[in-house]
């Protein structure tokens, strides 16, 4: 059974709502009925491990936008797993996306919530997953301000789509 890993930092009601919708979407009955279904593993960013990443076939990442960057918790997740999952650094210490990580070509999606600007958070996550060789399988869900029902529906769709990608 394919495994979808949801790694999130959800310290606010807004992010909790988005995370709950993503997870509900990943458990969508129609998606789960396809093929062998999908095992959905949900980990707070500070608890996710390299073993979680290596054991997954796809990823959903959720973060707040803090001071123009991803949350410190999601950054910690990447810092503590990057080399263990096959990421590589060039001699300058920058990410070297040419090495082909153990998780290369696996699909991922990202949702970000911010009050004013999410550009830097999205850019920072994309630069790391690019160095891991992951492929974006769904447009970034970029939410500014209050989370609406439409945002929650988009989050549900994001989770369902990533799960469906793994069944198919």
C-alpha atoms as a PDB file:
ATOM      1  CA  UNK A   1       0.000   0.000   0.000  1.00  0.00           C
ATOM      2  CA  UNK A   2       1.483   3.386  -0.943  1.00  0.00           C
ATOM      3  CA  UNK A   3       2.206   5.760   1.907  1.00  0.00           C
ATOM      4  CA  UNK A   4       1.530   9.513   1.995  1.00  0.00           C
ATOM      5  CA  UNK A   5       3.437  11.487   4.625  1.00  0.00           C
ATOM      6  CA  UNK A   6       1.872  14.747   5.794  1.00  0.00           C
ATOM      7  CA  UNK A   7       4.472  16.886   7.583  1.00  0.00           C
ATOM      8  CA  UNK A   8       3.054  20.065   9.043  1.00  0.00           C
ATOM      9  CA  UNK A   9       3.521  22.888  11.483  1.00  0.00           C
ATOM     10  CA  UNK A  10       0.028  23.930  12.525  1.00  0.00           C
ATOM     11  CA  UNK A  11       0.303  26.271  15.519  1.00  0.00           C
ATOM     12  CA  UNK A  12      -2.767  28.354  14.648  1.00  0.00           C
ATOM     13  CA  UNK A  13      -6.446  27.620  14.113  1.00  0.00           C
ATOM     14  CA  UNK A  14      -6.015  28.617  10.473  1.00  0.00           C
ATOM     15  CA  UNK A  15      -3.267  26.082   9.851  1.00  0.00           C
ATOM     16  CA  UNK A  16      -5.045  23.449  11.924  1.00  0.00           C
ATOM     17  CA  UNK A  17      -8.095  23.866   9.706  1.00  0.00           C
ATOM     18  CA  UNK A  18      -6.015  23.509   6.542  1.00  0.00           C
ATOM     19  CA  UNK A  19      -4.173  20.467   7.920  1.00  0.00           C
ATOM     20  CA  UNK A  20      -7.420  18.777   8.937  1.00  0.00           C
ATOM     21  CA  UNK A  21      -8.825  19.381   5.461  1.00  0.00           C
ATOM     22  CA  UNK A  22      -5.682  17.982   3.772  1.00  0.00           C
ATOM     23  CA  UNK A  23      -5.813  14.847   5.923  1.00  0.00           C
ATOM     24  CA  UNK A  24      -9.562  14.422   5.310  1.00  0.00           C
ATOM     25  CA  UNK A  25      -8.934  14.734   1.578  1.00  0.00           C
ATOM     26  CA  UNK A  26      -6.187  12.110   1.714  1.00  0.00           C
ATOM     27  CA  UNK A  27      -8.737   9.795   3.361  1.00  0.00           C
ATOM     28  CA  UNK A  28     -11.403  10.545   0.716  1.00  0.00           C
ATOM     29  CA  UNK A  29     -13.458   7.345   0.287  1.00  0.00           C
ATOM     30  CA  UNK A  30     -13.250   7.383  -3.514  1.00  0.00           C
ATOM     31  CA  UNK A  31      -9.471   7.729  -3.438  1.00  0.00           C
ATOM     32  CA  UNK A  32      -9.120   5.074  -0.751  1.00  0.00           C
ATOM     33  CA  UNK A  33     -11.284   2.681  -2.801  1.00  0.00           C
ATOM     34  CA  UNK A  34      -8.913   2.957  -5.774  1.00  0.00           C
ATOM     35  CA  UNK A  35      -6.250   0.279  -6.012  1.00  0.00           C
ATOM     36  CA  UNK A  36      -4.962  -0.768  -2.605  1.00  0.00           C
ATOM     37  CA  UNK A  37      -5.766   2.589  -1.012  1.00  0.00           C
ATOM     38  CA  UNK A  38      -3.219   4.873   0.619  1.00  0.00           C
ATOM     39  CA  UNK A  39      -1.793   4.798   4.132  1.00  0.00           C
ATOM     40  CA  UNK A  40      -1.770   8.369   5.446  1.00  0.00           C
ATOM     41  CA  UNK A  41       0.864   9.179   8.053  1.00  0.00           C
ATOM     42  CA  UNK A  42       0.561  12.579   9.753  1.00  0.00           C
ATOM     43  CA  UNK A  43       3.537  14.019  11.622  1.00  0.00           C
ATOM     44  CA  UNK A  44       4.092  17.397  13.234  1.00  0.00           C
ATOM     45  CA  UNK A  45       7.256  18.823  11.687  1.00  0.00           C
ATOM     46  CA  UNK A  46       9.205  18.581  14.946  1.00  0.00           C
ATOM     47  CA  UNK A  47       8.425  14.848  15.195  1.00  0.00           C
ATOM     48  CA  UNK A  48       8.917  13.699  11.591  1.00  0.00           C
ATOM     49  CA  UNK A  49      12.010  11.593  10.981  1.00  0.00           C
ATOM     50  CA  UNK A  50      14.189  10.494   8.089  1.00  0.00           C
ATOM     51  CA  UNK A  51      12.612   7.038   8.460  1.00  0.00           C
ATOM     52  CA  UNK A  52       9.205   8.626   7.890  1.00  0.00           C
ATOM     53  CA  UNK A  53      10.493  10.275   4.708  1.00  0.00           C
ATOM     54  CA  UNK A  54      12.224   7.163   3.398  1.00  0.00           C
ATOM     55  CA  UNK A  55       9.132   5.060   4.109  1.00  0.00           C
ATOM     56  CA  UNK A  56       6.783   7.348   2.192  1.00  0.00           C
ATOM     57  CA  UNK A  57       5.927   7.402  -1.488  1.00  0.00           C
ATOM     58  CA  UNK A  58       4.733  11.013  -1.513  1.00  0.00           C
ATOM     59  CA  UNK A  59       4.600  14.069   0.731  1.00  0.00           C
ATOM     60  CA  UNK A  60       2.363  16.936   1.734  1.00  0.00           C
ATOM     61  CA  UNK A  61       4.099  19.785   3.522  1.00  0.00           C
ATOM     62  CA  UNK A  62       2.287  22.444   5.529  1.00  0.00           C
ATOM     63  CA  UNK A  63       3.782  25.573   7.039  1.00  0.00           C
ATOM     64  CA  UNK A  64       3.156  29.076   8.173  1.00  0.00           C
ATOM     65  CA  UNK A  65       4.979  31.953   6.535  1.00  0.00           C
ATOM     66  CA  UNK A  66       7.146  33.554   9.221  1.00  0.00           C
ATOM     67  CA  UNK A  67       9.265  36.624   8.531  1.00  0.00           C
ATOM     68  CA  UNK A  68       9.465  35.736   4.849  1.00  0.00           C
ATOM     69  CA  UNK A  69      10.411  32.101   5.423  1.00  0.00           C
ATOM     70  CA  UNK A  70       8.925  28.703   6.236  1.00  0.00           C
ATOM     71  CA  UNK A  71       8.267  27.942   9.902  1.00  0.00           C
ATOM     72  CA  UNK A  72      11.237  27.088  12.073  1.00  0.00           C
ATOM     73  CA  UNK A  73       9.646  23.696  12.738  1.00  0.00           C
ATOM     74  CA  UNK A  74       9.517  22.782   9.044  1.00  0.00           C
ATOM     75  CA  UNK A  75      13.063  24.078   8.591  1.00  0.00           C
ATOM     76  CA  UNK A  76      14.140  21.833  11.491  1.00  0.00           C
ATOM     77  CA  UNK A  77      12.467  18.894   9.734  1.00  0.00           C
ATOM     78  CA  UNK A  78      14.503  19.542   6.599  1.00  0.00           C
ATOM     79  CA  UNK A  79      17.708  20.222   8.565  1.00  0.00           C
ATOM     80  CA  UNK A  80      17.413  16.971  10.486  1.00  0.00           C
ATOM     81  CA  UNK A  81      16.495  14.723   7.537  1.00  0.00           C
ATOM     82  CA  UNK A  82      18.092  16.224   4.404  1.00  0.00           C
ATOM     83  CA  UNK A  83      21.374  14.303   4.337  1.00  0.00           C
ATOM     84  CA  UNK A  84      19.827  11.104   5.716  1.00  0.00           C
ATOM     85  CA  UNK A  85      17.321  10.908   2.853  1.00  0.00           C
ATOM     86  CA  UNK A  86      19.996  11.409   0.226  1.00  0.00           C
ATOM     87  CA  UNK A  87      20.176  15.171  -0.132  1.00  0.00           C
ATOM     88  CA  UNK A  88      23.644  16.451  -0.913  1.00  0.00           C
ATOM     89  CA  UNK A  89      25.599  19.637  -0.392  1.00  0.00           C
ATOM     90  CA  UNK A  90      28.134  21.115  -2.785  1.00  0.00           C
ATOM     91  CA  UNK A  91      31.540  22.302  -1.535  1.00  0.00           C
ATOM     92  CA  UNK A  92      30.100  25.717  -0.632  1.00  0.00           C
ATOM     93  CA  UNK A  93      27.484  24.110   1.630  1.00  0.00           C
ATOM     94  CA  UNK A  94      24.610  24.852  -0.739  1.00  0.00           C
ATOM     95  CA  UNK A  95      22.134  22.160  -1.741  1.00  0.00           C
ATOM     96  CA  UNK A  96      23.423  20.061  -4.622  1.00  0.00           C
ATOM     97  CA  UNK A  97      20.425  18.787  -6.573  1.00  0.00           C
ATOM     98  CA  UNK A  98      22.542  16.813  -9.030  1.00  0.00           C
ATOM     99  CA  UNK A  99      23.286  13.840  -6.783  1.00  0.00           C
ATOM    100  CA  UNK A 100      19.883  12.180  -6.975  1.00  0.00           C
ATOM    101  CA  UNK A 101      18.422  11.746  -3.522  1.00  0.00           C
ATOM    102  CA  UNK A 102      16.987   8.425  -2.331  1.00  0.00           C
ATOM    103  CA  UNK A 103      13.540  10.027  -2.540  1.00  0.00           C
ATOM    104  CA  UNK A 104      14.026  11.682  -5.936  1.00  0.00           C
ATOM    105  CA  UNK A 105      11.023  11.922  -8.263  1.00  0.00           C
ATOM    106  CA  UNK A 106       8.520  11.350  -5.474  1.00  0.00           C
ATOM    107  CA  UNK A 107       5.494  13.657  -5.627  1.00  0.00           C
ATOM    108  CA  UNK A 108       4.852  16.413  -3.129  1.00  0.00           C
ATOM    109  CA  UNK A 109       2.452  19.255  -2.490  1.00  0.00           C
ATOM    110  CA  UNK A 110       2.695  22.313  -0.274  1.00  0.00           C
ATOM    111  CA  UNK A 111       0.226  24.489   1.590  1.00  0.00           C
ATOM    112  CA  UNK A 112       1.264  27.751   3.218  1.00  0.00           C
ATOM    113  CA  UNK A 113      -0.653  30.190   5.384  1.00  0.00           C
ATOM    114  CA  UNK A 114       0.456  33.729   6.117  1.00  0.00           C
ATOM    115  CA  UNK A 115      -0.992  37.043   7.138  1.00  0.00           C
ATOM    116  CA  UNK A 116       0.897  39.315   4.743  1.00  0.00           C
ATOM    117  CA  UNK A 117       3.226  37.474   2.369  1.00  0.00           C
ATOM    118  CA  UNK A 118       4.012  33.837   1.649  1.00  0.00           C
ATOM    119  CA  UNK A 119       6.472  34.296  -1.218  1.00  0.00           C
ATOM    120  CA  UNK A 120       9.637  33.630   0.777  1.00  0.00           C
ATOM    121  CA  UNK A 121       8.156  30.608   2.543  1.00  0.00           C
ATOM    122  CA  UNK A 122       7.150  29.029  -0.765  1.00  0.00           C
ATOM    123  CA  UNK A 123      10.516  29.804  -2.350  1.00  0.00           C
ATOM    124  CA  UNK A 124      12.456  28.360   0.599  1.00  0.00           C
ATOM    125  CA  UNK A 125      10.515  25.074   0.618  1.00  0.00           C
ATOM    126  CA  UNK A 126      10.779  24.724  -3.151  1.00  0.00           C
ATOM    127  CA  UNK A 127      14.549  25.219  -3.067  1.00  0.00           C
ATOM    128  CA  UNK A 128      14.981  22.364  -0.588  1.00  0.00           C
ATOM    129  CA  UNK A 129      12.601  19.910  -2.269  1.00  0.00           C
ATOM    130  CA  UNK A 130      14.237  20.710  -5.603  1.00  0.00           C
ATOM    131  CA  UNK A 131      17.580  19.683  -4.094  1.00  0.00           C
ATOM    132  CA  UNK A 132      15.920  16.422  -3.010  1.00  0.00           C
ATOM    133  CA  UNK A 133      14.583  15.891  -6.520  1.00  0.00           C
ATOM    134  CA  UNK A 134      10.921  15.776  -5.452  1.00  0.00           C
ATOM    135  CA  UNK A 135       8.368  16.719  -8.089  1.00  0.00           C
ATOM    136  CA  UNK A 136       5.556  19.143  -7.471  1.00  0.00           C
ATOM    137  CA  UNK A 137       2.346  17.206  -8.106  1.00  0.00           C
ATOM    138  CA  UNK A 138      -0.147  19.927  -7.176  1.00  0.00           C
ATOM    139  CA  UNK A 139      -0.112  23.707  -7.278  1.00  0.00           C
ATOM    140  CA  UNK A 140       0.919  25.344  -4.011  1.00  0.00           C
ATOM    141  CA  UNK A 141      -2.064  26.231  -1.850  1.00  0.00           C
ATOM    142  CA  UNK A 142      -1.143  29.776  -0.869  1.00  0.00           C
ATOM    143  CA  UNK A 143      -3.506  31.250   1.739  1.00  0.00           C
ATOM    144  CA  UNK A 144      -3.311  34.841   2.970  1.00  0.00           C
ATOM    145  CA  UNK A 145      -5.456  36.069   5.834  1.00  0.00           C
ATOM    146  CA  UNK A 146      -8.452  34.237   7.187  1.00  0.00           C
ATOM    147  CA  UNK A 147      -9.030  30.681   6.020  1.00  0.00           C
ATOM    148  CA  UNK A 148     -12.333  30.491   4.159  1.00  0.00           C
ATOM    149  CA  UNK A 149     -14.491  27.526   3.254  1.00  0.00           C
ATOM    150  CA  UNK A 150     -13.052  27.769  -0.262  1.00  0.00           C
ATOM    151  CA  UNK A 151      -9.510  27.457   1.150  1.00  0.00           C
ATOM    152  CA  UNK A 152     -10.532  24.426   3.209  1.00  0.00           C
ATOM    153  CA  UNK A 153     -12.071  22.854   0.087  1.00  0.00           C
ATOM    154  CA  UNK A 154      -8.833  23.501  -1.809  1.00  0.00           C
ATOM    155  CA  UNK A 155      -6.870  21.875   1.014  1.00  0.00           C
ATOM    156  CA  UNK A 156      -9.177  18.843   0.863  1.00  0.00           C
ATOM    157  CA  UNK A 157      -8.605  18.640  -2.883  1.00  0.00           C
ATOM    158  CA  UNK A 158      -4.839  18.913  -2.380  1.00  0.00           C
ATOM    159  CA  UNK A 159      -4.851  15.958   0.043  1.00  0.00           C
ATOM    160  CA  UNK A 160      -7.149  13.883  -2.170  1.00  0.00           C
ATOM    161  CA  UNK A 161      -5.077  14.595  -5.271  1.00  0.00           C
ATOM    162  CA  UNK A 162      -1.789  13.583  -3.677  1.00  0.00           C
ATOM    163  CA  UNK A 163      -3.359  10.388  -2.373  1.00  0.00           C
ATOM    164  CA  UNK A 164      -4.822   9.695  -5.836  1.00  0.00           C
ATOM    165  CA  UNK A 165      -1.434  10.265  -7.469  1.00  0.00           C
ATOM    166  CA  UNK A 166      -0.040   7.497  -5.257  1.00  0.00           C
ATOM    167  CA  UNK A 167      -2.783   5.040  -6.181  1.00  0.00           C
ATOM    168  CA  UNK A 168      -2.322   5.509  -9.805  1.00  0.00           C
END
